[in-house]
Amino acid sequence: MSTLRQEKLKKTFKKEISTLLREKIQDPRIRDEFLTITDVEFSKDLKRATVYIYIHDKAKKEIVFKGLKSATKFIQEEIGRVMRLRYTPILTFKEDKSIDRGYRVIEILEKLKHEEDSREDTE
């Protein structure tokens, strides 16, 4: 269960990390790709944060995550500096697969509807 503080941190982290990725990261593995930060989850003690990222070009997923891994320390330092936290959470980046799962569910529902419409037409 998220506390009010965690919700505020989540919103601020998403904004600040997005800004860093867009404006300060020079690594072309990250800079040249279209990424969306979909969520940030914190440990209860707020010492760890998992940042969920949706990568729009699936073919470059591995390259992007290598770039994120190499930029993690820089991102953590910048977050600590900008947000003036006593302890900056250790960041972990993970792929957000929920959007793809959502698209897959929509495809299945559309297929079922199409099949149902086809059965009704033949009756």
Protein backbone atom coordinates (compact mmCIF):
# COMPACT_ATOMS: atom_id res chain seq x y z
CA MET A 1 0.00 0.00 0.00
CA SER A 2 1.42 3.37 -1.03
CA THR A 3 1.67 6.19 1.43
CA LEU A 4 1.01 9.79 0.49
CA ARG A 5 4.76 10.45 0.61
CA GLN A 6 5.45 7.57 -1.76
CA GLU A 7 2.82 8.85 -4.19
CA LYS A 8 4.38 12.32 -4.18
CA LEU A 9 7.85 10.83 -4.63
CA LYS A 10 6.59 8.61 -7.45
CA LYS A 11 5.16 11.58 -9.33
CA THR A 12 8.30 13.66 -8.81
CA PHE A 13 10.64 10.79 -9.72
CA LYS A 14 8.76 10.11 -12.96
CA LYS A 15 8.98 13.78 -13.91
CA GLU A 16 12.65 14.21 -12.99
CA ILE A 17 13.84 10.96 -14.59
CA SER A 18 11.90 11.80 -17.78
CA THR A 19 13.58 15.20 -17.86
CA LEU A 20 17.03 13.66 -17.32
CA LEU A 21 16.52 11.09 -20.06
CA ARG A 22 15.26 13.73 -22.46
CA GLU A 23 17.64 16.60 -21.71
CA LYS A 24 20.83 15.44 -19.97
CA ILE A 25 21.61 11.91 -21.07
CA GLN A 26 23.96 11.98 -24.06
CA ASP A 27 24.12 8.21 -24.61
CA PRO A 28 22.57 7.58 -28.06
CA ARG A 29 21.28 4.20 -26.85
CA ILE A 30 18.87 6.18 -24.67
CA ARG A 31 18.68 9.65 -26.19
CA ASP A 32 17.64 8.47 -29.65
CA GLU A 33 14.84 6.19 -28.48
CA PHE A 34 11.21 6.84 -27.61
CA LEU A 35 10.74 5.77 -23.98
CA THR A 36 7.91 6.22 -21.52
CA ILE A 37 8.28 5.97 -17.76
CA THR A 38 5.09 4.25 -16.74
CA ASP A 39 5.60 3.70 -13.02
CA VAL A 40 7.99 3.93 -10.11
CA GLU A 41 7.73 1.57 -7.15
CA PHE A 42 9.57 2.14 -3.88
CA SER A 43 10.63 -0.27 -1.17
CA LYS A 44 8.98 0.39 2.20
CA ASP A 45 12.09 2.12 3.53
CA LEU A 46 12.37 4.20 0.32
CA LYS A 47 15.96 3.06 -0.21
CA ARG A 48 15.23 1.28 -3.48
CA ALA A 49 13.14 2.31 -6.46
CA THR A 50 12.14 0.29 -9.49
CA VAL A 51 11.50 2.43 -12.55
CA TYR A 52 9.25 0.80 -15.15
CA ILE A 53 9.93 1.85 -18.72
CA TYR A 54 7.97 1.15 -21.87
CA ILE A 55 10.19 0.97 -24.95
CA HIS A 56 8.25 1.68 -28.11
CA ASP A 57 10.80 0.04 -30.46
CA LYS A 58 10.98 -3.53 -29.18
CA ALA A 59 13.91 -4.34 -31.49
CA LYS A 60 16.12 -1.96 -29.50
CA LYS A 61 15.04 -3.08 -26.01
CA GLU A 62 18.32 -4.76 -25.11
CA ILE A 63 20.40 -1.81 -26.33
CA VAL A 64 18.26 0.69 -24.39
CA PHE A 65 18.56 -1.28 -21.15
CA LYS A 66 22.34 -1.48 -21.54
CA GLY A 67 22.36 2.29 -21.91
CA LEU A 68 20.12 2.72 -18.87
CA LYS A 69 22.33 0.43 -16.83
CA SER A 70 25.41 2.48 -17.67
CA ALA A 71 23.57 5.74 -16.88
CA THR A 72 22.00 4.58 -13.60
CA LYS A 73 24.66 6.09 -11.32
CA PHE A 74 24.46 9.45 -13.11
CA ILE A 75 20.65 9.42 -12.89
CA GLN A 76 20.77 8.59 -9.17
CA GLU A 77 23.25 11.40 -8.51
CA GLU A 78 21.18 13.92 -10.45
CA ILE A 79 17.97 12.87 -8.70
CA GLY A 80 19.67 13.28 -5.32
CA ARG A 81 20.99 16.69 -6.28
CA VAL A 82 17.73 18.01 -7.74
CA MET A 83 15.40 16.59 -5.09
CA ARG A 84 17.71 17.15 -2.10
CA LEU A 85 16.90 13.82 -0.51
CA ARG A 86 18.73 12.56 2.54
CA TYR A 87 19.04 9.17 0.88
CA THR A 88 18.67 8.77 -2.85
CA PRO A 89 17.04 5.43 -3.66
CA ILE A 90 19.07 2.87 -5.56
CA LEU A 91 17.46 2.71 -8.99
CA THR A 92 16.61 -0.37 -10.99
CA PHE A 93 15.12 -0.13 -14.46
CA LYS A 94 12.67 -2.76 -15.68
CA GLU A 95 10.60 -3.15 -18.80
CA ASP A 96 6.90 -2.43 -18.38
CA LYS A 97 5.06 -5.15 -20.24
CA SER A 98 1.58 -4.11 -19.13
CA ILE A 99 0.94 -2.00 -22.23
CA ASP A 100 1.81 -4.92 -24.51
CA ARG A 101 -0.43 -7.20 -22.44
CA GLY A 102 -3.23 -4.65 -22.76
CA TYR A 103 -2.83 -4.55 -26.54
CA ARG A 104 -2.87 -8.34 -26.64
CA VAL A 105 -6.11 -8.47 -24.61
CA ILE A 106 -7.69 -5.94 -26.99
CA GLU A 107 -6.60 -8.05 -29.99
CA ILE A 108 -8.13 -11.17 -28.45
CA LEU A 109 -11.39 -9.37 -27.66
CA GLU A 110 -11.59 -7.97 -31.20
CA LYS A 111 -10.92 -11.43 -32.64
CA LEU A 112 -13.66 -12.95 -30.48
CA LYS A 113 -16.09 -10.20 -31.50
CA HIS A 114 -15.23 -10.76 -35.16
CA GLU A 115 -15.80 -14.52 -34.78
CA GLU A 116 -19.11 -13.90 -33.00
CA ASP A 117 -20.22 -11.50 -35.76
CA SER A 118 -19.26 -14.09 -38.39
CA ARG A 119 -21.34 -16.79 -36.63
CA GLU A 120 -24.34 -14.47 -36.43
CA ASP A 121 -24.05 -13.70 -40.17
CA THR A 122 -24.07 -17.42 -41.08
CA GLU A 123 -27.14 -18.21 -38.97
